[in-house]
Protein backbone atom coordinates (compact mmCIF):
# COMPACT_ATOMS: atom_id res chain seq x y z
CA MET A 1 110.25 75.84 74.76
CA PRO A 2 110.94 72.36 73.17
CA ARG A 3 110.89 69.31 75.59
CA VAL A 4 114.17 68.12 76.31
CA LEU A 5 114.99 64.88 77.32
CA GLY A 6 118.25 64.58 79.77
CA ARG A 7 119.84 61.80 82.43
CA PHE A 8 117.26 63.14 84.88
CA SER A 9 114.43 64.00 82.86
CA VAL A 10 112.53 60.88 83.35
CA PRO A 11 112.68 58.17 85.97
CA ILE A 12 115.84 56.40 86.09
CA LEU A 13 115.87 52.37 86.35
CA GLN A 14 118.34 50.83 88.87
CA TRP A 15 120.95 49.40 86.78
CA HIS A 16 123.67 46.76 88.05
CA TYR A 17 127.07 47.17 87.14
CA GLY A 18 130.27 44.75 87.76
CA LEU A 19 133.00 45.89 89.86
CA GLU A 20 135.48 44.38 87.04
CA ALA A 21 136.60 46.42 84.35
CA ASN A 22 135.22 45.63 80.93
CA ALA A 23 136.42 45.96 77.53
CA PHE A 24 133.12 47.01 76.38
CA THR A 25 130.77 49.06 78.82
CA LEU A 26 127.58 50.45 78.24
CA ARG A 27 126.69 53.59 80.17
CA PRO A 28 122.85 54.74 80.41
CA VAL A 29 122.41 58.35 78.97
CA ILE A 30 118.78 59.06 78.52
CA ASP A 31 115.68 57.09 79.02
CA ILE A 32 113.33 58.03 75.94
CA PRO A 33 109.46 57.58 76.62
CA THR A 34 107.96 56.41 73.43
CA GLU A 35 104.39 54.99 71.56
CA GLY A 36 105.41 51.49 70.53
CA ASN A 37 108.84 52.42 69.27
CA ALA A 38 109.71 50.48 65.96
CA GLY A 39 113.21 51.94 65.92
CA PHE A 40 115.32 55.09 65.39
CA GLU A 41 117.25 56.64 62.55
CA PHE A 42 120.33 59.30 63.62
CA PHE A 43 121.29 61.64 60.95
CA ALA A 44 123.42 64.55 60.57
CA THR A 45 122.70 67.88 58.63
CA ASN A 46 124.06 71.41 58.27
CA GLY A 47 126.44 70.33 61.65
CA SER A 48 123.40 69.65 63.57
CA GLY A 49 122.36 65.72 64.99
CA TYR A 50 118.94 64.31 64.90
CA LEU A 51 117.55 61.19 66.13
CA ALA A 52 114.09 60.18 64.30
CA ALA A 53 111.89 57.84 66.38
CA ALA A 54 108.92 55.55 64.74
CA ASN A 55 106.36 55.11 67.03
CA PHE A 56 103.89 52.39 66.10
CA TRP A 57 100.56 53.10 67.96
CA ASP A 58 99.78 55.19 71.23
CA GLY A 59 97.36 52.68 72.30
CA VAL A 60 94.33 54.77 72.26
CA SER A 61 94.01 56.35 68.63
CA ALA A 62 92.05 54.94 65.91
CA HIS A 63 93.67 53.30 62.80
CA MET A 64 96.90 52.55 64.59
CA GLU A 65 97.80 55.96 64.83
CA ALA A 66 101.02 57.91 66.94
CA GLU A 67 103.12 60.78 66.97
CA SER A 68 106.46 59.65 65.32
CA ARG A 69 109.06 62.13 66.36
CA VAL A 70 112.41 63.85 65.57
CA TYR A 71 114.73 64.94 68.32
CA SER A 72 117.53 67.51 67.75
CA VAL A 73 120.83 66.08 69.33
CA SER A 74 122.78 68.45 71.78
CA THR A 75 126.06 67.87 73.92
CA LYS A 76 127.88 69.83 76.72
CA GLY A 77 130.75 68.91 78.31
CA SER A 78 131.76 65.44 78.65
CA VAL A 79 129.22 62.98 76.66
CA ALA A 80 130.67 59.80 78.88
CA LYS A 81 128.99 62.02 82.09
CA GLY A 82 125.55 61.77 80.38
CA SER A 83 125.44 65.47 78.94
CA MET A 84 123.75 64.86 75.86
CA THR A 85 120.12 65.94 75.74
CA LEU A 86 117.51 65.25 72.95
CA SER A 87 114.89 68.26 72.08
CA ASN A 88 111.72 67.47 70.80
CA PHE A 89 112.13 68.93 67.05
CA GLN A 90 109.23 67.94 64.83
CA ASN A 91 106.49 65.54 65.17
CA ILE A 92 105.02 63.33 62.08
CA ARG A 93 101.83 61.56 62.47
CA SER A 94 101.92 58.30 61.74
CA ASN A 95 99.71 54.88 61.08
CA GLY A 96 101.79 52.00 62.58
CA ALA A 97 105.18 53.50 61.91
CA HIS A 98 107.41 50.37 61.07
CA GLY A 99 110.38 52.41 60.88
CA VAL A 100 112.10 55.67 59.46
CA ASP A 101 114.81 56.17 56.86
CA PHE A 102 117.05 59.30 56.01
CA PHE A 103 118.68 59.65 53.19
CA GLU A 104 120.46 62.78 50.97
CA PHE A 105 119.98 62.89 47.20
CA ARG A 106 121.14 65.62 44.46
CA GLY A 107 120.99 67.94 47.18
CA ASP A 108 117.84 67.12 48.87
CA ARG A 109 117.54 65.62 52.38
CA PHE A 110 114.34 63.11 52.88
CA LEU A 111 112.79 61.21 55.92
CA VAL A 112 110.69 58.23 54.74
CA VAL A 113 108.48 56.66 57.13
CA PRO A 114 106.73 53.22 56.30
CA ASN A 115 103.33 52.89 57.73
CA TYR A 116 102.37 49.49 58.47
CA TYR A 117 98.78 50.34 58.64
CA GLY A 118 97.06 52.94 55.95
CA ASN A 119 98.37 51.67 52.79
CA HIS A 120 100.95 54.20 52.72
CA VAL A 121 104.57 55.76 52.53
CA ASP A 122 104.99 58.99 53.78
CA VAL A 123 107.96 60.78 52.45
CA TYR A 124 109.44 64.45 53.40
CA CYS A 125 111.75 66.62 52.46
CA TRP A 126 113.75 68.96 54.41
CA SER A 127 112.57 72.88 53.90
CA SER A 128 114.52 75.68 55.05
CA GLN A 129 111.27 77.86 53.98
CA VAL A 130 109.41 75.99 56.53
CA ASP A 131 110.35 78.07 59.96
CA ASP A 132 106.88 78.10 61.58
CA PHE A 133 107.75 76.14 64.72
CA SER A 134 105.70 77.50 67.27
CA ASP A 135 103.64 74.31 67.50
CA ALA A 136 106.71 72.51 69.29
CA GLY A 137 108.88 75.43 70.25
CA GLN A 138 111.58 74.27 67.70
CA GLU A 139 114.35 76.64 66.70
CA LYS A 140 113.99 77.98 63.38
CA GLY A 141 115.77 77.41 60.06
CA GLY A 142 113.98 74.56 58.70
CA ARG A 143 112.08 71.03 59.37
CA PHE A 144 110.89 68.52 57.19
CA ARG A 145 107.79 69.16 54.58
CA PHE A 146 105.38 66.38 53.48
CA VAL A 147 106.19 66.04 49.72
CA GLY A 148 104.28 62.88 48.59
CA GLU A 149 102.98 59.14 49.48
CA ILE A 150 103.88 55.77 47.96
CA ALA A 151 100.95 53.39 47.92
CA ALA A 152 102.11 50.45 49.64
CA LYS A 153 100.42 47.49 51.78
CA GLY A 154 101.84 46.39 54.94
CA ALA A 155 105.22 48.50 54.68
CA GLY A 156 107.62 46.93 57.04
CA GLN A 157 110.62 49.05 55.87
CA THR A 158 112.25 50.98 53.29
CA ASP A 159 115.83 52.00 51.85
CA PHE A 160 117.32 54.14 49.35
CA PHE A 161 120.08 53.59 46.85
CA GLU A 162 121.59 55.24 43.86
CA ARG A 163 122.81 53.82 40.80
CA ASP A 164 123.86 55.63 37.67
CA GLY A 165 122.73 58.71 39.17
CA ARG A 166 119.37 57.95 39.89
CA GLY A 167 117.61 57.69 42.76
CA TYR A 168 115.40 54.65 44.11
CA ILE A 169 113.37 53.78 47.45
CA VAL A 170 112.94 50.41 48.28
CA VAL A 171 109.70 49.11 50.28
CA GLY A 172 109.07 45.66 51.82
CA GLU A 173 105.20 44.97 51.78
CA ASN A 174 104.43 42.77 53.95
CA PHE A 175 100.57 42.35 53.01
CA ALA A 176 101.42 42.31 49.32
CA GLU A 177 104.25 40.02 49.66
CA PHE A 178 106.38 42.03 47.27
CA VAL A 179 109.65 43.95 47.57
CA SER A 180 108.63 47.08 45.51
CA ILE A 181 111.09 49.45 43.64
CA TYR A 182 110.56 52.97 43.14
CA GLU A 183 112.35 55.81 41.29
CA VAL A 184 112.75 59.42 42.71
CA PHE A 185 111.81 62.01 40.11
CA LYS A 186 111.91 65.60 40.88
CA LEU A 187 109.27 67.96 39.14
CA ALA A 188 109.04 71.72 38.65
CA SER A 189 108.79 74.15 41.58
CA SER A 190 105.41 74.43 43.34
CA SER A 191 103.74 77.88 42.58
CA GLU A 192 102.82 78.11 45.92
CA ILE A 193 105.62 77.63 47.71
CA GLY A 194 108.32 77.77 45.37
CA GLU A 195 109.63 74.47 46.32
CA PRO A 196 110.01 71.13 44.39
CA LYS A 197 107.35 68.46 44.32
CA PHE A 198 108.60 64.72 43.53
CA GLN A 199 106.97 61.95 42.20
CA PHE A 200 107.51 58.30 42.57
CA GLN A 201 107.31 55.63 39.66
CA ILE A 202 107.27 51.78 40.21
CA MET A 203 110.48 50.14 38.38
CA GLN A 204 109.99 46.40 39.75
CA GLN A 205 108.35 44.22 42.00
CA LEU A 206 110.27 41.36 43.47
CA PRO A 207 107.70 38.79 44.68
CA THR A 208 108.90 37.54 48.42
CA PRO A 209 106.32 35.60 50.62
CA GLY A 210 105.89 37.24 53.94
CA ALA A 211 108.13 40.34 52.76
CA GLY A 212 108.89 43.16 55.30
CA SER A 213 112.47 43.89 56.13
CA ILE A 214 115.23 44.63 53.43
CA ALA A 215 118.74 45.47 53.33
CA ILE A 216 120.62 46.95 50.13
CA ALA A 217 124.34 45.71 49.61
CA ASP A 218 126.06 47.92 47.00
CA ILE A 219 129.06 45.80 46.38
CA GLU A 220 131.51 46.45 43.50
CA GLN A 221 129.61 46.54 40.22
CA ASP A 222 126.77 44.51 41.81
CA LEU A 223 123.75 45.82 43.91
CA PHE A 224 121.97 43.09 46.04
CA ILE A 225 118.76 43.59 47.71
CA VAL A 226 117.99 41.37 50.49
CA ALA A 227 114.48 40.47 51.31
CA CYS A 228 113.35 38.71 54.57
CA SER A 229 110.42 36.51 54.69
CA TYR A 230 108.88 36.52 57.46
CA PHE A 231 106.26 33.72 56.92
CA ASP A 232 105.32 31.59 54.36
CA GLU A 233 101.76 30.48 54.26
CA ASN A 234 102.51 28.03 51.34
CA SER A 235 105.71 26.95 52.94
CA ASN A 236 106.07 22.92 53.08
CA ARG A 237 109.47 22.66 54.72
CA HIS A 238 110.50 21.01 57.66
CA ILE A 239 112.97 22.74 60.03
CA SER A 240 114.04 20.39 63.05
CA ARG A 241 112.63 21.33 66.37
CA GLU A 242 114.69 23.32 68.41
CA SER A 243 112.92 23.87 71.48
CA THR A 244 110.94 22.46 73.90
CA GLY A 245 106.87 23.07 74.05
CA VAL A 246 103.90 22.66 72.01
CA LEU A 247 103.57 23.69 68.64
CA ARG A 248 102.38 27.40 68.55
CA ASN A 249 99.94 29.08 65.94
CA GLY A 250 98.49 25.53 64.75
CA GLY A 251 101.85 24.99 62.99
CA ALA A 252 102.13 28.29 61.45
CA PRO A 253 104.62 28.37 58.43
CA TRP A 254 107.59 30.23 60.21
CA ALA A 255 109.73 27.93 57.99
CA THR A 256 110.81 30.31 55.18
CA GLN A 257 113.19 31.29 52.21
CA SER A 258 114.64 34.56 52.70
CA LEU A 259 115.57 35.97 49.32
CA VAL A 260 118.60 37.60 47.61
CA TRP A 261 117.76 39.66 44.42
CA ARG A 262 120.93 41.03 42.12
CA SER A 263 121.04 43.84 39.65
CA ILE A 264 121.07 42.36 36.25
CA PRO A 265 124.33 43.85 34.52
CA ASN A 266 124.03 45.77 30.92
CA SER A 267 120.40 45.16 31.05
CA GLY A 268 119.83 48.77 29.91
CA THR A 269 117.04 49.58 32.72
CA LEU A 270 117.66 48.66 36.19
CA SER A 271 116.29 45.48 37.17
CA PHE A 272 116.79 42.50 39.50
CA ASN A 273 116.80 38.62 39.21
CA LEU A 274 116.34 35.85 41.91
CA HIS A 275 120.07 35.33 43.24
CA GLN A 276 119.84 33.14 46.20
CA ARG A 277 117.82 31.48 48.68
CA ILE A 278 118.41 31.33 52.61
CA ASP A 279 116.58 29.11 54.68
CA THR A 280 115.37 31.05 57.44
CA ARG A 281 112.75 31.18 60.35
CA GLY A 282 110.47 33.95 60.86
CA CYS A 283 113.18 36.42 59.34
CA HIS A 284 112.26 39.68 60.72
CA ASP A 285 115.23 41.99 59.78
CA ALA A 286 118.31 41.98 57.61
CA GLU A 287 121.16 44.11 58.45
CA TYR A 288 123.93 44.66 56.09
CA ARG A 289 127.18 46.42 56.53
CA SER A 290 130.47 46.80 54.62
CA PHE A 291 133.83 47.64 56.65
CA GLU A 292 137.00 48.78 55.22
CA VAL A 293 140.10 47.05 56.45
CA VAL A 294 143.64 47.66 55.68
CA GLY A 295 145.62 45.22 54.29
CA SER A 296 143.09 42.61 53.72
CA GLY A 297 140.04 44.17 51.67
CA PRO A 298 136.57 45.00 52.85
CA ARG A 299 134.44 42.69 55.42
CA ARG A 300 130.87 42.71 54.22
CA PHE A 301 128.36 41.29 57.01
CA LEU A 302 124.85 40.39 56.80
CA PHE A 303 122.81 39.45 60.00
CA LEU A 304 119.71 37.67 59.64
CA SER A 305 117.29 38.44 62.76
CA GLU A 306 114.84 35.21 63.15
CA ASP A 307 111.81 35.46 65.54
CA ARG A 308 110.59 32.33 65.75
CA SER A 309 110.58 28.61 64.47
CA ASN A 310 107.23 26.57 64.76
CA PHE A 311 107.97 25.68 67.79
CA GLY A 312 108.41 28.92 69.63
CA VAL A 313 111.07 31.61 69.90
CA ASP A 314 114.15 30.30 70.76
CA VAL A 315 116.01 29.62 67.69
CA HIS A 316 119.70 30.82 66.11
CA SER A 317 120.11 33.96 64.21
CA GLU A 318 122.38 33.67 61.85
CA LEU A 319 125.74 36.06 60.78
CA PHE A 320 126.73 35.47 57.02
CA GLU A 321 129.64 37.18 55.28
CA PHE A 322 129.91 37.79 51.40
CA ASP A 323 132.25 35.50 49.44
CA GLU A 324 133.75 37.50 46.07
CA VAL A 325 134.41 33.67 44.34
CA SER A 326 130.98 32.93 44.43
CA SER A 327 129.05 36.35 45.10
CA PHE A 328 127.03 34.39 47.62
CA PHE A 329 126.42 35.19 51.57
CA ARG A 330 128.11 32.35 53.28
CA LYS A 331 127.22 31.71 57.31
CA VAL A 332 130.35 32.07 59.14
CA GLY A 333 128.50 31.92 62.77
CA SER A 334 125.24 32.41 64.61
CA VAL A 335 123.66 32.98 68.00
CA ARG A 336 120.88 31.82 69.92
CA THR A 337 118.03 34.51 69.87
CA ASP A 338 114.80 35.38 71.84
CA GLY A 339 112.29 36.35 69.08
CA ALA A 340 114.97 38.52 67.64
CA HIS A 341 113.59 41.64 65.62
CA ALA A 342 116.71 43.28 64.34
CA ALA A 343 120.09 43.96 65.10
CA GLU A 344 122.49 46.30 64.15
CA LEU A 345 126.28 45.89 63.23
CA PHE A 346 128.63 48.20 63.97
CA ARG A 347 132.45 49.33 63.93
CA ILE A 348 134.55 50.48 66.98
CA GLY A 349 138.17 50.75 66.08
CA GLN A 350 139.37 47.42 64.94
CA ASP A 351 136.37 45.58 66.22
CA PHE A 352 133.41 44.40 64.61
CA TYR A 353 129.80 43.99 66.62
CA VAL A 354 126.36 43.33 66.27
CA ALA A 355 123.76 44.27 68.66
CA VAL A 356 120.27 42.00 68.74
CA ALA A 357 117.17 42.94 69.63
CA ASN A 358 115.50 40.24 71.24
CA PHE A 359 111.52 40.99 71.32
CA GLY A 360 110.55 38.20 73.64
CA ASP A 361 107.43 36.20 72.39
CA ARG A 362 104.90 38.20 71.08
CA LEU A 363 102.24 35.47 70.55
CA ALA A 364 102.65 34.36 74.21
CA GLU A 365 102.41 38.10 75.02
CA ARG A 366 106.09 37.54 76.78
CA PHE A 367 107.64 41.01 76.02
CA GLU A 368 110.44 40.98 78.85
CA ALA A 369 113.73 39.64 77.26
CA THR A 370 117.38 40.39 77.18
CA SER A 371 119.10 42.13 73.96
CA LYS A 372 122.77 41.74 73.71
CA ILE A 373 125.71 43.04 71.83
CA PHE A 374 128.32 40.69 70.54
CA ARG A 375 131.66 40.83 69.08
CA ILE A 376 132.42 39.08 66.06
CA GLU A 377 136.24 37.43 66.56
CA ASP A 378 137.86 35.54 63.91
CA LYS A 379 138.64 31.83 65.08
CA LYS A 380 141.13 31.38 62.72
CA ASP A 381 144.44 32.77 61.54
CA LYS A 382 143.01 36.03 59.47
CA THR A 383 145.88 35.70 56.93
CA ASN A 384 144.20 32.44 55.97
CA ARG A 385 140.60 33.37 57.16
CA THR A 386 137.87 31.08 54.97
CA LEU A 387 133.97 31.29 54.76
CA ASP A 388 132.63 28.87 56.73
CA GLU A 389 130.10 28.07 59.47
CA ASP A 390 132.86 27.56 61.90
CA SER A 391 134.91 30.95 61.27
CA VAL A 392 133.87 33.42 63.71
CA ASN A 393 132.60 33.57 67.48
CA LEU A 394 130.06 35.63 68.38
CA VAL A 395 131.15 37.10 71.97
CA GLU A 396 128.48 38.30 74.26
CA VAL A 397 130.15 41.95 76.08
CA ALA A 398 126.98 43.20 77.00
CA ALA A 399 123.38 42.65 78.34
CA VAL A 400 120.34 44.74 78.76
CA THR A 401 116.65 44.15 79.99
CA SER A 402 114.17 44.81 77.34
CA ASN A 403 110.68 45.08 76.69
CA GLY A 404 109.59 43.91 73.25
CA ALA A 405 112.90 45.30 71.93
CA THR A 406 112.37 45.76 68.19
CA ASP A 407 115.95 47.78 67.12
CA TRP A 408 119.01 48.96 68.29
CA GLU A 409 120.78 51.92 66.03
CA TYR A 410 124.32 53.00 66.59
CA PHE A 411 125.69 56.50 65.88
CA GLU A 412 128.83 58.65 66.41
CA TRP A 413 128.44 62.21 67.75
CA ALA A 414 130.94 64.64 69.29
CA GLY A 415 133.60 62.24 68.98
CA ALA A 416 131.99 59.38 71.05
CA SER A 417 130.25 56.08 70.43
CA PHE A 418 126.41 55.54 71.24
CA ILE A 419 123.53 53.06 70.93
CA VAL A 420 120.11 53.50 71.35
CA LEU A 421 117.78 50.40 72.53
CA SER A 422 114.09 50.82 70.96
CA ASN A 423 111.64 48.94 73.24
CA GLU A 424 108.11 48.87 71.85
CA GLY A 425 106.78 47.50 75.29
CA ASP A 426 103.48 46.11 76.01
CA ILE A 427 101.69 48.00 73.38
CA GLN A 428 98.13 47.24 74.28
CA ARG A 429 98.35 47.84 77.92
CA ARG A 430 100.90 50.86 77.37
CA GLN A 431 103.59 49.55 79.83
CA LYS A 432 107.04 49.45 79.74
CA GLN A 433 107.18 51.85 76.83
CA VAL A 434 110.63 53.27 77.37
CA SER A 435 113.61 53.47 74.94
CA ARG A 436 117.33 53.63 76.11
CA LEU A 437 120.24 55.55 74.82
CA PHE A 438 123.81 54.28 75.87
CA TYR A 439 127.13 55.45 75.67
CA ILE A 440 129.71 53.17 74.80
CA ASP A 441 133.10 53.07 76.05
CA ALA A 442 135.05 50.17 74.27
CA SER A 443 138.72 49.65 74.74
CA PRO A 444 141.40 48.56 71.84
CA SER A 445 141.55 44.79 71.22
CA SER A 446 143.34 42.68 73.70
CA ASP A 447 143.41 39.04 74.44
CA GLN A 448 142.35 39.56 78.14
CA LYS A 449 139.15 41.43 77.00
CA LYS A 450 137.64 38.10 75.61
CA SER A 451 136.70 36.86 79.24
CA HIS A 452 135.30 40.37 79.97
CA LYS A 453 131.41 40.98 79.46
CA GLN A 454 128.80 43.35 80.90
CA ASP A 455 125.73 42.45 82.25
CA LEU A 456 123.29 45.03 82.52
CA ARG A 457 119.96 43.42 83.07
CA ASP A 458 117.87 45.13 85.78
CA GLU A 459 114.76 44.33 87.56
CA LEU A 460 111.81 45.91 86.09
C-alpha cells in the first residue's frame, strides 16, 4: 500500500490561535516529513492532483543525494476539516534538488529537477506505458519516465516558456554564473519502448553573477527573464548598513544587481538583451505573477526575496509592479525579512497576497524564523494609482514558525485554497525537517479586516 500522509499520520505540533475571528485563517492540514526540502510544485493532470517535493539532501548519502518525491492528492468530505491526504506516488533520486518544475508542451507532460550538485538537470516525461509500481505501491496508469538530462553547473532553478510554437527550458546556473536557455526537441520514438525521445539544444547563455533563481514574465509581445544575482565577487558597490552586528563572511559581496533580460523583437532567432538592472542584496528568488483585473487591466507583480546584506540577514525584500509605459519593473513596496529565500504571489477573490519564506541565517546556523503572509493593498485610490515606492502596503495577515524555510507553494484543489511551506530544517543534524500544508480560509475584502492578522507561531 502507498504511504499515506494525513492530519494525524505524523506528530502534530501545538498551534496557538487567537480567539478573534480573522479575515485570513491558516488551518494546518498535513505535516510532511522531508529531507532538506527545497520546494514543492503542485500540478493536475488527467483529473488527478499531485504535489512534487524537491528534497535537497538526506543528511547521510554521498554526493548530496536524497529521494525527491511525487505525492498524489486526494480529498474526502470537507477539505476545511483536514480531510486531504497525500499518498507517495513516485520517488526520484536527486543530487541536491533545488526545486522542481512541471509543464506541458505539445501534449507531453514534463517534470524537471534542477540538481544543484551533480552537474545536471534531470528531465522526466509522463509515460502511460510505465505502470509497474510495485516498488512504491502506486496505482497503475502511468508515471514519469526519465528522458534526458541537461548539463548544468549549480542548477538553482528551472522554468519553461513557449514562443512561436517552440518550447524552451531556462536554467539558472550558480557555479557557471549563467542563465542558460535550451530548446526542447521531440525526436522519433524509441524502438525499445515505443515512446519518444527528447533533445535539449542550447540557444543562449545570459551572463549573471551568482545566478540561481529565475522568473519568466510573458507580457504582451515581450518576454522577460528575471535573473537573481545571489552574490557578486566583483561587486564594489556599497549598500547602507541596515542592521547592527559585525560584518559577516569577511565582507562577502552580497550587494548585487539582479538582471532583467528582454527578448529582441523581429530578430528571426529568439534571443535576449539586457534590459534592466535592479539593486539587490543576496537575491535568492524571483517570483512573478500576472493577475487580470476586470475594468482596469492586469496587475503584474514581481517580488524579489533578498537573503542578506554584507551585515546580516535583517534586510528588506521588495515588491515591484510592471510599468507598461516604460516597460520597466517599478518598486512599489517592501517588507523587512529574515533571510528570505523565496516567495509566492497568489490571489483569492479580489485580494492579492505574497507569502515570504524566511530561512533565518544559514551562515550563523540559525534556522528558526517566522515566515509570513502579507496582503497587498493599494494606498491610493485605485482609479488614480501610480507606480512609486509608496503606492502599496504589505499588510501582515499570518505568521508561522519555520525552520530553514525555503519556499511556499499555493494551489487550489477541490474548490478550496491551500498553501504548503517548505522547511529545509537543520540539514546537517537532520532535525526539524517537517514541511507543512495549510488550508486557507480568506473572507472577502472589507475595511475591518485590515486590523486582523493571525499568528501561528509555535514553540518548537
